[in-house]
Amino acid sequence: IAVHPHRWTVPSDTWKRLFESAEREIGIL
């Protein structure tokens, strides 16, 4: 979908939208 050059360049709401989209499984490693 996208490649971000650094983690700090990922928009903060992207993380929340990712987890909000989950209907079955969330995994964090």
mmCIF file of all heavy atoms, coordinates in Angstrom:
data_MODEL
# 
_entry.id   MODEL 
# 
loop_
_atom_site.group_PDB 
_atom_site.id 
_atom_site.type_symbol 
_atom_site.label_atom_id 
_atom_site.label_alt_id 
_atom_site.label_comp_id 
_atom_site.label_asym_id 
_atom_site.label_entity_id 
_atom_site.label_seq_id 
_atom_site.pdbx_PDB_ins_code 
_atom_site.Cartn_x 
_atom_site.Cartn_y 
_atom_site.Cartn_z 
_atom_site.occupancy 
_atom_site.B_iso_or_equiv 
_atom_site.pdbx_formal_charge 
_atom_site.auth_seq_id 
_atom_site.auth_comp_id 
_atom_site.auth_asym_id 
_atom_site.auth_atom_id 
_atom_site.pdbx_PDB_model_num 
ATOM 1   N N   . ILE A 1 1  ? 0.837   -1.198  0.000  1.00 0.00 ? 1  ILE A N   1 
ATOM 2   C CA  . ILE A 1 1  ? 0.000   0.000   0.000  1.00 0.00 ? 1  ILE A CA  1 
ATOM 3   C C   . ILE A 1 1  ? 0.870   1.246   0.000  1.00 0.00 ? 1  ILE A C   1 
ATOM 4   O O   . ILE A 1 1  ? 0.620   2.200   -0.744 1.00 0.00 ? 1  ILE A O   1 
ATOM 5   C CB  . ILE A 1 1  ? -0.931  0.009   1.221  1.00 0.00 ? 1  ILE A CB  1 
ATOM 6   C CG1 . ILE A 1 1  ? -1.894  -1.185  1.168  1.00 0.00 ? 1  ILE A CG1 1 
ATOM 7   C CG2 . ILE A 1 1  ? -1.714  1.326   1.307  1.00 0.00 ? 1  ILE A CG2 1 
ATOM 8   C CD1 . ILE A 1 1  ? -2.746  -1.326  2.402  1.00 0.00 ? 1  ILE A CD1 1 
ATOM 9   N N   . ALA A 1 2  ? 1.885   1.245   0.858  1.00 0.00 ? 2  ALA A N   1 
ATOM 10  C CA  . ALA A 1 2  ? 2.764   2.409   0.961  1.00 0.00 ? 2  ALA A CA  1 
ATOM 11  C C   . ALA A 1 2  ? 4.085   1.996   1.579  1.00 0.00 ? 2  ALA A C   1 
ATOM 12  O O   . ALA A 1 2  ? 4.165   0.992   2.296  1.00 0.00 ? 2  ALA A O   1 
ATOM 13  C CB  . ALA A 1 2  ? 2.116   3.503   1.815  1.00 0.00 ? 2  ALA A CB  1 
ATOM 14  N N   . VAL A 1 3  ? 5.119   2.774   1.288  1.00 0.00 ? 3  VAL A N   1 
ATOM 15  C CA  . VAL A 1 3  ? 6.423   2.597   1.914  1.00 0.00 ? 3  VAL A CA  1 
ATOM 16  C C   . VAL A 1 3  ? 6.806   3.929   2.552  1.00 0.00 ? 3  VAL A C   1 
ATOM 17  O O   . VAL A 1 3  ? 6.878   4.957   1.865  1.00 0.00 ? 3  VAL A O   1 
ATOM 18  C CB  . VAL A 1 3  ? 7.504   2.174   0.894  1.00 0.00 ? 3  VAL A CB  1 
ATOM 19  C CG1 . VAL A 1 3  ? 8.867   2.068   1.584  1.00 0.00 ? 3  VAL A CG1 1 
ATOM 20  C CG2 . VAL A 1 3  ? 7.138   0.851   0.231  1.00 0.00 ? 3  VAL A CG2 1 
ATOM 21  N N   . HIS A 1 4  ? 7.030   3.904   3.855  1.00 0.00 ? 4  HIS A N   1 
ATOM 22  C CA  . HIS A 1 4  ? 7.410   5.111   4.583  1.00 0.00 ? 4  HIS A CA  1 
ATOM 23  C C   . HIS A 1 4  ? 8.916   5.048   4.870  1.00 0.00 ? 4  HIS A C   1 
ATOM 24  O O   . HIS A 1 4  ? 9.404   4.024   5.349  1.00 0.00 ? 4  HIS A O   1 
ATOM 25  C CB  . HIS A 1 4  ? 6.632   5.219   5.892  1.00 0.00 ? 4  HIS A CB  1 
ATOM 26  C CG  . HIS A 1 4  ? 5.144   5.211   5.711  1.00 0.00 ? 4  HIS A CG  1 
ATOM 27  N ND1 . HIS A 1 4  ? 4.425   6.350   5.420  1.00 0.00 ? 4  HIS A ND1 1 
ATOM 28  C CD2 . HIS A 1 4  ? 4.246   4.191   5.758  1.00 0.00 ? 4  HIS A CD2 1 
ATOM 29  C CE1 . HIS A 1 4  ? 3.136   6.034   5.321  1.00 0.00 ? 4  HIS A CE1 1 
ATOM 30  N NE2 . HIS A 1 4  ? 3.003   4.740   5.513  1.00 0.00 ? 4  HIS A NE2 1 
ATOM 31  N N   . PRO A 1 5  ? 9.657   6.120   4.601  1.00 0.00 ? 5  PRO A N   1 
ATOM 32  C CA  . PRO A 1 5  ? 11.110  6.078   4.765  1.00 0.00 ? 5  PRO A CA  1 
ATOM 33  C C   . PRO A 1 5  ? 11.564  5.883   6.204  1.00 0.00 ? 5  PRO A C   1 
ATOM 34  O O   . PRO A 1 5  ? 12.637  5.334   6.466  1.00 0.00 ? 5  PRO A O   1 
ATOM 35  C CB  . PRO A 1 5  ? 11.573  7.428   4.220  1.00 0.00 ? 5  PRO A CB  1 
ATOM 36  C CG  . PRO A 1 5  ? 10.384  8.315   4.323  1.00 0.00 ? 5  PRO A CG  1 
ATOM 37  C CD  . PRO A 1 5  ? 9.203   7.425   4.091  1.00 0.00 ? 5  PRO A CD  1 
ATOM 38  N N   . HIS A 1 6  ? 10.737  6.324   7.165  1.00 0.00 ? 6  HIS A N   1 
ATOM 39  C CA  . HIS A 1 6  ? 11.050  6.187   8.586  1.00 0.00 ? 6  HIS A CA  1 
ATOM 40  C C   . HIS A 1 6  ? 9.751   5.952   9.343  1.00 0.00 ? 6  HIS A C   1 
ATOM 41  O O   . HIS A 1 6  ? 8.674   6.385   8.908  1.00 0.00 ? 6  HIS A O   1 
ATOM 42  C CB  . HIS A 1 6  ? 11.716  7.455   9.148  1.00 0.00 ? 6  HIS A CB  1 
ATOM 43  C CG  . HIS A 1 6  ? 12.843  7.970   8.324  1.00 0.00 ? 6  HIS A CG  1 
ATOM 44  N ND1 . HIS A 1 6  ? 14.086  7.374   8.295  1.00 0.00 ? 6  HIS A ND1 1 
ATOM 45  C CD2 . HIS A 1 6  ? 12.907  9.026   7.473  1.00 0.00 ? 6  HIS A CD2 1 
ATOM 46  C CE1 . HIS A 1 6  ? 14.870  8.045   7.471  1.00 0.00 ? 6  HIS A CE1 1 
ATOM 47  N NE2 . HIS A 1 6  ? 14.174  9.048   6.955  1.00 0.00 ? 6  HIS A NE2 1 
ATOM 48  N N   . ARG A 1 7  ? 9.858   5.287   10.484 1.00 0.00 ? 7  ARG A N   1 
ATOM 49  C CA  . ARG A 1 7  ? 8.641   5.066   11.263 1.00 0.00 ? 7  ARG A CA  1 
ATOM 50  C C   . ARG A 1 7  ? 8.032   6.380   11.726 1.00 0.00 ? 7  ARG A C   1 
ATOM 51  O O   . ARG A 1 7  ? 6.808   6.519   11.794 1.00 0.00 ? 7  ARG A O   1 
ATOM 52  C CB  . ARG A 1 7  ? 8.948   4.177   12.477 1.00 0.00 ? 7  ARG A CB  1 
ATOM 53  C CG  . ARG A 1 7  ? 7.668   3.623   13.147 1.00 0.00 ? 7  ARG A CG  1 
ATOM 54  C CD  . ARG A 1 7  ? 7.980   2.877   14.419 1.00 0.00 ? 7  ARG A CD  1 
ATOM 55  N NE  . ARG A 1 7  ? 8.397   3.794   15.482 1.00 0.00 ? 7  ARG A NE  1 
ATOM 56  C CZ  . ARG A 1 7  ? 9.098   3.424   16.541 1.00 0.00 ? 7  ARG A CZ  1 
ATOM 57  N NH1 . ARG A 1 7  ? 9.479   2.163   16.678 1.00 0.00 ? 7  ARG A NH1 1 
ATOM 58  N NH2 . ARG A 1 7  ? 9.418   4.308   17.461 1.00 0.00 ? 7  ARG A NH2 1 
ATOM 59  N N   . TRP A 1 8  ? 8.887   7.365   12.014 1.00 0.00 ? 8  TRP A N   1 
ATOM 60  C CA  . TRP A 1 8  ? 8.355   8.635   12.508 1.00 0.00 ? 8  TRP A CA  1 
ATOM 61  C C   . TRP A 1 8  ? 7.620   9.422   11.423 1.00 0.00 ? 8  TRP A C   1 
ATOM 62  O O   . TRP A 1 8  ? 6.922   10.394  11.728 1.00 0.00 ? 8  TRP A O   1 
ATOM 63  C CB  . TRP A 1 8  ? 9.455   9.492   13.145 1.00 0.00 ? 8  TRP A CB  1 
ATOM 64  C CG  . TRP A 1 8  ? 10.637  9.815   12.281 1.00 0.00 ? 8  TRP A CG  1 
ATOM 65  C CD1 . TRP A 1 8  ? 11.822  9.151   12.228 1.00 0.00 ? 8  TRP A CD1 1 
ATOM 66  C CD2 . TRP A 1 8  ? 10.760  10.906  11.357 1.00 0.00 ? 8  TRP A CD2 1 
ATOM 67  N NE1 . TRP A 1 8  ? 12.683  9.737   11.324 1.00 0.00 ? 8  TRP A NE1 1 
ATOM 68  C CE2 . TRP A 1 8  ? 12.061  10.821  10.791 1.00 0.00 ? 8  TRP A CE2 1 
ATOM 69  C CE3 . TRP A 1 8  ? 9.917   11.943  10.964 1.00 0.00 ? 8  TRP A CE3 1 
ATOM 70  C CZ2 . TRP A 1 8  ? 12.514  11.737  9.825  1.00 0.00 ? 8  TRP A CZ2 1 
ATOM 71  C CZ3 . TRP A 1 8  ? 10.379  12.858  10.010 1.00 0.00 ? 8  TRP A CZ3 1 
ATOM 72  C CH2 . TRP A 1 8  ? 11.659  12.747  9.466  1.00 0.00 ? 8  TRP A CH2 1 
ATOM 73  N N   . THR A 1 9  ? 7.754   8.997   10.145 1.00 0.00 ? 9  THR A N   1 
ATOM 74  C CA  . THR A 1 9  ? 7.010   9.664   9.072  1.00 0.00 ? 9  THR A CA  1 
ATOM 75  C C   . THR A 1 9  ? 5.634   9.036   8.836  1.00 0.00 ? 9  THR A C   1 
ATOM 76  O O   . THR A 1 9  ? 4.852   9.556   8.039  1.00 0.00 ? 9  THR A O   1 
ATOM 77  C CB  . THR A 1 9  ? 7.799   9.643   7.750  1.00 0.00 ? 9  THR A CB  1 
ATOM 78  O OG1 . THR A 1 9  ? 7.964   8.282   7.313  1.00 0.00 ? 9  THR A OG1 1 
ATOM 79  C CG2 . THR A 1 9  ? 9.162   10.289  7.913  1.00 0.00 ? 9  THR A CG2 1 
ATOM 80  N N   . VAL A 1 10 ? 5.343   7.921   9.503  1.00 0.00 ? 10 VAL A N   1 
ATOM 81  C CA  . VAL A 1 10 ? 4.012   7.308   9.375  1.00 0.00 ? 10 VAL A CA  1 
ATOM 82  C C   . VAL A 1 10 ? 3.013   8.186   10.123 1.00 0.00 ? 10 VAL A C   1 
ATOM 83  O O   . VAL A 1 10 ? 3.201   8.465   11.309 1.00 0.00 ? 10 VAL A O   1 
ATOM 84  C CB  . VAL A 1 10 ? 3.997   5.889   9.971  1.00 0.00 ? 10 VAL A CB  1 
ATOM 85  C CG1 . VAL A 1 10 ? 2.605   5.269   9.843  1.00 0.00 ? 10 VAL A CG1 1 
ATOM 86  C CG2 . VAL A 1 10 ? 5.034   5.004   9.298  1.00 0.00 ? 10 VAL A CG2 1 
ATOM 87  N N   . PRO A 1 11 ? 1.952   8.662   9.467  1.00 0.00 ? 11 PRO A N   1 
ATOM 88  C CA  . PRO A 1 11 ? 0.963   9.502   10.158 1.00 0.00 ? 11 PRO A CA  1 
ATOM 89  C C   . PRO A 1 11 ? 0.415   8.810   11.400 1.00 0.00 ? 11 PRO A C   1 
ATOM 90  O O   . PRO A 1 11 ? 0.149   7.600   11.383 1.00 0.00 ? 11 PRO A O   1 
ATOM 91  C CB  . PRO A 1 11 ? -0.130  9.697   9.104  1.00 0.00 ? 11 PRO A CB  1 
ATOM 92  C CG  . PRO A 1 11 ? 0.583   9.523   7.791  1.00 0.00 ? 11 PRO A CG  1 
ATOM 93  C CD  . PRO A 1 11 ? 1.622   8.464   8.042  1.00 0.00 ? 11 PRO A CD  1 
ATOM 94  N N   . SER A 1 12 ? 0.267   9.533   12.477 1.00 0.00 ? 12 SER A N   1 
ATOM 95  C CA  . SER A 1 12 ? -0.152  8.938   13.746 1.00 0.00 ? 12 SER A CA  1 
ATOM 96  C C   . SER A 1 12 ? -1.500  8.232   13.634 1.00 0.00 ? 12 SER A C   1 
ATOM 97  O O   . SER A 1 12 ? -1.717  7.194   14.272 1.00 0.00 ? 12 SER A O   1 
ATOM 98  C CB  . SER A 1 12 ? -0.206  10.005  14.839 1.00 0.00 ? 12 SER A CB  1 
ATOM 99  O OG  . SER A 1 12 ? -1.119  11.042  14.496 1.00 0.00 ? 12 SER A OG  1 
ATOM 100 N N   . ASP A 1 13 ? -2.407  8.762   12.819 1.00 0.00 ? 13 ASP A N   1 
ATOM 101 C CA  . ASP A 1 13 ? -3.719  8.124   12.717 1.00 0.00 ? 13 ASP A CA  1 
ATOM 102 C C   . ASP A 1 13 ? -3.675  6.833   11.909 1.00 0.00 ? 13 ASP A C   1 
ATOM 103 O O   . ASP A 1 13 ? -4.624  6.042   11.950 1.00 0.00 ? 13 ASP A O   1 
ATOM 104 C CB  . ASP A 1 13 ? -4.755  9.086   12.144 1.00 0.00 ? 13 ASP A CB  1 
ATOM 105 C CG  . ASP A 1 13 ? -4.442  9.532   10.724 1.00 0.00 ? 13 ASP A CG  1 
ATOM 106 O OD1 . ASP A 1 13 ? -3.295  9.328   10.270 1.00 0.00 ? 13 ASP A OD1 1 
ATOM 107 O OD2 . ASP A 1 13 ? -5.344  10.092  10.075 1.00 0.00 ? 13 ASP A OD2 1 
ATOM 108 N N   . THR A 1 14 ? -2.579  6.584   11.179 1.00 0.00 ? 14 THR A N   1 
ATOM 109 C CA  . THR A 1 14 ? -2.455  5.337   10.419 1.00 0.00 ? 14 THR A CA  1 
ATOM 110 C C   . THR A 1 14 ? -2.433  4.144   11.363 1.00 0.00 ? 14 THR A C   1 
ATOM 111 O O   . THR A 1 14 ? -3.038  3.099   11.083 1.00 0.00 ? 14 THR A O   1 
ATOM 112 C CB  . THR A 1 14 ? -1.184  5.349   9.560  1.00 0.00 ? 14 THR A CB  1 
ATOM 113 O OG1 . THR A 1 14 ? -1.301  6.373   8.573  1.00 0.00 ? 14 THR A OG1 1 
ATOM 114 C CG2 . THR A 1 14 ? -0.975  4.013   8.854  1.00 0.00 ? 14 THR A CG2 1 
ATOM 115 N N   . TRP A 1 15 ? -1.734  4.278   12.485 1.00 0.00 ? 15 TRP A N   1 
ATOM 116 C CA  . TRP A 1 15 ? -1.665  3.178   13.460 1.00 0.00 ? 15 TRP A CA  1 
ATOM 117 C C   . TRP A 1 15 ? -3.049  2.887   14.016 1.00 0.00 ? 15 TRP A C   1 
ATOM 118 O O   . TRP A 1 15 ? -3.450  1.712   14.122 1.00 0.00 ? 15 TRP A O   1 
ATOM 119 C CB  . TRP A 1 15 ? -0.707  3.537   14.591 1.00 0.00 ? 15 TRP A CB  1 
ATOM 120 C CG  . TRP A 1 15 ? 0.682   3.839   14.120 1.00 0.00 ? 15 TRP A CG  1 
ATOM 121 C CD1 . TRP A 1 15 ? 1.206   5.074   13.819 1.00 0.00 ? 15 TRP A CD1 1 
ATOM 122 C CD2 . TRP A 1 15 ? 1.723   2.889   13.836 1.00 0.00 ? 15 TRP A CD2 1 
ATOM 123 N NE1 . TRP A 1 15 ? 2.502   4.937   13.378 1.00 0.00 ? 15 TRP A NE1 1 
ATOM 124 C CE2 . TRP A 1 15 ? 2.850   3.631   13.387 1.00 0.00 ? 15 TRP A CE2 1 
ATOM 125 C CE3 . TRP A 1 15 ? 1.810   1.510   13.937 1.00 0.00 ? 15 TRP A CE3 1 
ATOM 126 C CZ2 . TRP A 1 15 ? 4.047   3.013   13.033 1.00 0.00 ? 15 TRP A CZ2 1 
ATOM 127 C CZ3 . TRP A 1 15 ? 3.007   0.899   13.586 1.00 0.00 ? 15 TRP A CZ3 1 
ATOM 128 C CH2 . TRP A 1 15 ? 4.106   1.637   13.138 1.00 0.00 ? 15 TRP A CH2 1 
ATOM 129 N N   . LYS A 1 16 ? -3.784  3.924   14.359 1.00 0.00 ? 16 LYS A N   1 
ATOM 130 C CA  . LYS A 1 16 ? -5.110  3.724   14.938 1.00 0.00 ? 16 LYS A CA  1 
ATOM 131 C C   . LYS A 1 16 ? -6.084  3.160   13.913 1.00 0.00 ? 16 LYS A C   1 
ATOM 132 O O   . LYS A 1 16 ? -6.896  2.282   14.225 1.00 0.00 ? 16 LYS A O   1 
ATOM 133 C CB  . LYS A 1 16 ? -5.628  5.036   15.525 1.00 0.00 ? 16 LYS A CB  1 
ATOM 134 C CG  . LYS A 1 16 ? -4.821  5.506   16.729 1.00 0.00 ? 16 LYS A CG  1 
ATOM 135 C CD  . LYS A 1 16 ? -5.309  6.837   17.263 1.00 0.00 ? 16 LYS A CD  1 
ATOM 136 C CE  . LYS A 1 16 ? -4.434  7.311   18.413 1.00 0.00 ? 16 LYS A CE  1 
ATOM 137 N NZ  . LYS A 1 16 ? -4.829  8.643   18.923 1.00 0.00 ? 16 LYS A NZ  1 
ATOM 138 N N   . ARG A 1 17 ? -6.016  3.657   12.674 1.00 0.00 ? 17 ARG A N   1 
ATOM 139 C CA  . ARG A 1 17 ? -6.905  3.123   11.632 1.00 0.00 ? 17 ARG A CA  1 
ATOM 140 C C   . ARG A 1 17 ? -6.607  1.649   11.382 1.00 0.00 ? 17 ARG A C   1 
ATOM 141 O O   . ARG A 1 17 ? -7.527  0.870   11.106 1.00 0.00 ? 17 ARG A O   1 
ATOM 142 C CB  . ARG A 1 17 ? -6.739  3.913   10.338 1.00 0.00 ? 17 ARG A CB  1 
ATOM 143 C CG  . ARG A 1 17 ? -7.365  5.300   10.364 1.00 0.00 ? 17 ARG A CG  1 
ATOM 144 C CD  . ARG A 1 17 ? -7.662  5.801   8.942  1.00 0.00 ? 17 ARG A CD  1 
ATOM 145 N NE  . ARG A 1 17 ? -6.475  5.731   8.101  1.00 0.00 ? 17 ARG A NE  1 
ATOM 146 C CZ  . ARG A 1 17 ? -5.591  6.699   7.955  1.00 0.00 ? 17 ARG A CZ  1 
ATOM 147 N NH1 . ARG A 1 17 ? -5.754  7.844   8.606  1.00 0.00 ? 17 ARG A NH1 1 
ATOM 148 N NH2 . ARG A 1 17 ? -4.551  6.555   7.167  1.00 0.00 ? 17 ARG A NH2 1 
ATOM 149 N N   . LEU A 1 18 ? -5.329  1.275   11.467 1.00 0.00 ? 18 LEU A N   1 
ATOM 150 C CA  . LEU A 1 18 ? -4.960  -0.133  11.295 1.00 0.00 ? 18 LEU A CA  1 
ATOM 151 C C   . LEU A 1 18 ? -5.673  -0.989  12.327 1.00 0.00 ? 18 LEU A C   1 
ATOM 152 O O   . LEU A 1 18 ? -6.369  -1.961  11.980 1.00 0.00 ? 18 LEU A O   1 
ATOM 153 C CB  . LEU A 1 18 ? -3.447  -0.300  11.418 1.00 0.00 ? 18 LEU A CB  1 
ATOM 154 C CG  . LEU A 1 18 ? -2.940  -1.759  11.381 1.00 0.00 ? 18 LEU A CG  1 
ATOM 155 C CD1 . LEU A 1 18 ? -2.984  -2.296  9.958  1.00 0.00 ? 18 LEU A CD1 1 
ATOM 156 C CD2 . LEU A 1 18 ? -1.530  -1.854  11.949 1.00 0.00 ? 18 LEU A CD2 1 
ATOM 157 N N   . PHE A 1 19 ? -5.535  -0.653  13.605 1.00 0.00 ? 19 PHE A N   1 
ATOM 158 C CA  . PHE A 1 19 ? -6.135  -1.464  14.662 1.00 0.00 ? 19 PHE A CA  1 
ATOM 159 C C   . PHE A 1 19 ? -7.652  -1.364  14.663 1.00 0.00 ? 19 PHE A C   1 
ATOM 160 O O   . PHE A 1 19 ? -8.347  -2.337  14.966 1.00 0.00 ? 19 PHE A O   1 
ATOM 161 C CB  . PHE A 1 19 ? -5.562  -1.057  16.020 1.00 0.00 ? 19 PHE A CB  1 
ATOM 162 C CG  . PHE A 1 19 ? -4.079  -1.284  16.139 1.00 0.00 ? 19 PHE A CG  1 
ATOM 163 C CD1 . PHE A 1 19 ? -3.245  -0.300  16.644 1.00 0.00 ? 19 PHE A CD1 1 
ATOM 164 C CD2 . PHE A 1 19 ? -3.507  -2.483  15.733 1.00 0.00 ? 19 PHE A CD2 1 
ATOM 165 C CE1 . PHE A 1 19 ? -1.870  -0.504  16.754 1.00 0.00 ? 19 PHE A CE1 1 
ATOM 166 C CE2 . PHE A 1 19 ? -2.136  -2.694  15.830 1.00 0.00 ? 19 PHE A CE2 1 
ATOM 167 C CZ  . PHE A 1 19 ? -1.317  -1.705  16.344 1.00 0.00 ? 19 PHE A CZ  1 
ATOM 168 N N   . GLU A 1 20 ? -8.175  -0.208  14.310 1.00 0.00 ? 20 GLU A N   1 
ATOM 169 C CA  . GLU A 1 20 ? -9.634  -0.058  14.237 1.00 0.00 ? 20 GLU A CA  1 
ATOM 170 C C   . GLU A 1 20 ? -10.250 -0.952  13.171 1.00 0.00 ? 20 GLU A C   1 
ATOM 171 O O   . GLU A 1 20 ? -11.406 -1.364  13.279 1.00 0.00 ? 20 GLU A O   1 
ATOM 172 C CB  . GLU A 1 20 ? -9.994  1.404   13.953 1.00 0.00 ? 20 GLU A CB  1 
ATOM 173 C CG  . GLU A 1 20 ? -9.823  2.333   15.144 1.00 0.00 ? 20 GLU A CG  1 
ATOM 174 C CD  . GLU A 1 20 ? -9.997  3.790   14.777 1.00 0.00 ? 20 GLU A CD  1 
ATOM 175 O OE1 . GLU A 1 20 ? -10.011 4.099   13.553 1.00 0.00 ? 20 GLU A OE1 1 
ATOM 176 O OE2 . GLU A 1 20 ? -10.098 4.632   15.688 1.00 0.00 ? 20 GLU A OE2 1 
ATOM 177 N N   . SER A 1 21 ? -9.484  -1.280  12.133 1.00 0.00 ? 21 SER A N   1 
ATOM 178 C CA  . SER A 1 21 ? -10.004 -2.090  11.031 1.00 0.00 ? 21 SER A CA  1 
ATOM 179 C C   . SER A 1 21 ? -10.130 -3.567  11.392 1.00 0.00 ? 21 SER A C   1 
ATOM 180 O O   . SER A 1 21 ? -10.796 -4.322  10.693 1.00 0.00 ? 21 SER A O   1 
ATOM 181 C CB  . SER A 1 21 ? -9.098  -1.950  9.801  1.00 0.00 ? 21 SER A CB  1 
ATOM 182 O OG  . SER A 1 21 ? -7.851  -2.612  10.009 1.00 0.00 ? 21 SER A OG  1 
ATOM 183 N N   . ALA A 1 22 ? -9.498  -3.983  12.485 1.00 0.00 ? 22 ALA A N   1 
ATOM 184 C CA  . ALA A 1 22 ? -9.457  -5.411  12.826 1.00 0.00 ? 22 ALA A CA  1 
ATOM 185 C C   . ALA A 1 22 ? -10.829 -5.933  13.242 1.00 0.00 ? 22 ALA A C   1 
ATOM 186 O O   . ALA A 1 22 ? -11.528 -5.306  14.037 1.00 0.00 ? 22 ALA A O   1 
ATOM 187 C CB  . ALA A 1 22 ? -8.449  -5.654  13.944 1.00 0.00 ? 22 ALA A CB  1 
ATOM 188 N N   . GLU A 1 23 ? -11.194 -7.078  12.700 1.00 0.00 ? 23 GLU A N   1 
ATOM 189 C CA  . GLU A 1 23 ? -12.434 -7.750  13.081 1.00 0.00 ? 23 GLU A CA  1 
ATOM 190 C C   . GLU A 1 23 ? -12.168 -9.116  13.697 1.00 0.00 ? 23 GLU A C   1 
ATOM 191 O O   . GLU A 1 23 ? -13.041 -9.677  14.357 1.00 0.00 ? 23 GLU A O   1 
ATOM 192 C CB  . GLU A 1 23 ? -13.340 -7.907  11.859 1.00 0.00 ? 23 GLU A CB  1 
ATOM 193 C CG  . GLU A 1 23 ? -13.786 -6.580  11.251 1.00 0.00 ? 23 GLU A CG  1 
ATOM 194 C CD  . GLU A 1 23 ? -14.691 -6.773  10.051 1.00 0.00 ? 23 GLU A CD  1 
ATOM 195 O OE1 . GLU A 1 23 ? -14.868 -7.943  9.612  1.00 0.00 ? 23 GLU A OE1 1 
ATOM 196 O OE2 . GLU A 1 23 ? -15.230 -5.775  9.536  1.00 0.00 ? 23 GLU A OE2 1 
ATOM 197 N N   . ARG A 1 24 ? -10.959 -9.661  13.477 1.00 0.00 ? 24 ARG A N   1 
ATOM 198 C CA  . ARG A 1 24 ? -10.647 -10.999 13.980 1.00 0.00 ? 24 ARG A CA  1 
ATOM 199 C C   . ARG A 1 24 ? -9.374  -11.027 14.826 1.00 0.00 ? 24 ARG A C   1 
ATOM 200 O O   . ARG A 1 24 ? -9.341  -11.690 15.855 1.00 0.00 ? 24 ARG A O   1 
ATOM 201 C CB  . ARG A 1 24 ? -10.463 -11.971 12.809 1.00 0.00 ? 24 ARG A CB  1 
ATOM 202 C CG  . ARG A 1 24 ? -11.625 -12.055 11.844 1.00 0.00 ? 24 ARG A CG  1 
ATOM 203 C CD  . ARG A 1 24 ? -11.354 -13.074 10.745 1.00 0.00 ? 24 ARG A CD  1 
ATOM 204 N NE  . ARG A 1 24 ? -10.071 -12.869 10.079 1.00 0.00 ? 24 ARG A NE  1 
ATOM 205 C CZ  . ARG A 1 24 ? -9.871  -12.014 9.077  1.00 0.00 ? 24 ARG A CZ  1 
ATOM 206 N NH1 . ARG A 1 24 ? -10.875 -11.265 8.635  1.00 0.00 ? 24 ARG A NH1 1 
ATOM 207 N NH2 . ARG A 1 24 ? -8.671  -11.899 8.500  1.00 0.00 ? 24 ARG A NH2 1 
ATOM 208 N N   . GLU A 1 25 ? -8.339  -10.333 14.369 1.00 0.00 ? 25 GLU A N   1 
ATOM 209 C CA  . GLU A 1 25 ? -7.009  -10.552 14.932 1.00 0.00 ? 25 GLU A CA  1 
ATOM 210 C C   . GLU A 1 25 ? -6.184  -9.281  14.938 1.00 0.00 ? 25 GLU A C   1 
ATOM 211 O O   . GLU A 1 25 ? -6.131  -8.547  13.947 1.00 0.00 ? 25 GLU A O   1 
ATOM 212 C CB  . GLU A 1 25 ? -6.295  -11.610 14.076 1.00 0.00 ? 25 GLU A CB  1 
ATOM 213 C CG  . GLU A 1 25 ? -4.829  -11.804 14.376 1.00 0.00 ? 25 GLU A CG  1 
ATOM 214 C CD  . GLU A 1 25 ? -4.582  -12.903 15.376 1.00 0.00 ? 25 GLU A CD  1 
ATOM 215 O OE1 . GLU A 1 25 ? -5.504  -13.717 15.599 1.00 0.00 ? 25 GLU A OE1 1 
ATOM 216 O OE2 . GLU A 1 25 ? -3.474  -12.961 15.933 1.00 0.00 ? 25 GLU A OE2 1 
ATOM 217 N N   . ILE A 1 26 ? -5.545  -9.008  16.069 1.00 0.00 ? 26 ILE A N   1 
ATOM 218 C CA  . ILE A 1 26 ? -4.520  -7.968  16.171 1.00 0.00 ? 26 ILE A CA  1 
ATOM 219 C C   . ILE A 1 26 ? -3.265  -8.629  16.725 1.00 0.00 ? 26 ILE A C   1 
ATOM 220 O O   . ILE A 1 26 ? -3.328  -9.359  17.715 1.00 0.00 ? 26 ILE A O   1 
ATOM 221 C CB  . ILE A 1 26 ? -4.959  -6.807  17.089 1.00 0.00 ? 26 ILE A CB  1 
ATOM 222 C CG1 . ILE A 1 26 ? -6.076  -5.994  16.437 1.00 0.00 ? 26 ILE A CG1 1 
ATOM 223 C CG2 . ILE A 1 26 ? -3.772  -5.898  17.433 1.00 0.00 ? 26 ILE A CG2 1 
ATOM 224 C CD1 . ILE A 1 26 ? -6.657  -4.910  17.333 1.00 0.00 ? 26 ILE A CD1 1 
ATOM 225 N N   . GLY A 1 27 ? -2.144  -8.389  16.072 1.00 0.00 ? 27 GLY A N   1 
ATOM 226 C CA  . GLY A 1 27 ? -0.880  -8.958  16.539 1.00 0.00 ? 27 GLY A CA  1 
ATOM 227 C C   . GLY A 1 27 ? 0.206   -7.897  16.529 1.00 0.00 ? 27 GLY A C   1 
ATOM 228 O O   . GLY A 1 27 ? 0.360   -7.159  15.551 1.00 0.00 ? 27 GLY A O   1 
ATOM 229 N N   . ILE A 1 28 ? 0.956   -7.799  17.623 1.00 0.00 ? 28 ILE A N   1 
ATOM 230 C CA  . ILE A 1 28 ? 2.046   -6.837  17.737 1.00 0.00 ? 28 ILE A CA  1 
ATOM 231 C C   . ILE A 1 28 ? 3.301   -7.587  18.166 1.00 0.00 ? 28 ILE A C   1 
ATOM 232 O O   . ILE A 1 28 ? 3.296   -8.256  19.207 1.00 0.00 ? 28 ILE A O   1 
ATOM 233 C CB  . ILE A 1 28 ? 1.718   -5.726  18.757 1.00 0.00 ? 28 ILE A CB  1 
ATOM 234 C CG1 . ILE A 1 28 ? 0.472   -4.938  18.310 1.00 0.00 ? 28 ILE A CG1 1 
ATOM 235 C CG2 . ILE A 1 28 ? 2.911   -4.792  18.952 1.00 0.00 ? 28 ILE A CG2 1 
ATOM 236 C CD1 . ILE A 1 28 ? -0.012  -3.925  19.336 1.00 0.00 ? 28 ILE A CD1 1 
ATOM 237 N N   . LEU A 1 29 ? 4.347   -7.479  17.363 1.00 0.00 ? 29 LEU A N   1 
ATOM 238 C CA  . LEU A 1 29 ? 5.625   -8.129  17.665 1.00 0.00 ? 29 LEU A CA  1 
ATOM 239 C C   . LEU A 1 29 ? 6.709   -7.057  17.677 1.00 0.00 ? 29 LEU A C   1 
ATOM 240 O O   . LEU A 1 29 ? 7.007   -6.459  16.639 1.00 0.00 ? 29 LEU A O   1 
ATOM 241 C CB  . LEU A 1 29 ? 5.945   -9.195  16.610 1.00 0.00 ? 29 LEU A CB  1 
ATOM 242 C CG  . LEU A 1 29 ? 7.367   -9.779  16.632 1.00 0.00 ? 29 LEU A CG  1 
ATOM 243 C CD1 . LEU A 1 29 ? 7.668   -10.442 17.970 1.00 0.00 ? 29 LEU A CD1 1 
ATOM 244 C CD2 . LEU A 1 29 ? 7.546   -10.785 15.486 1.00 0.00 ? 29 LEU A CD2 1 
# 
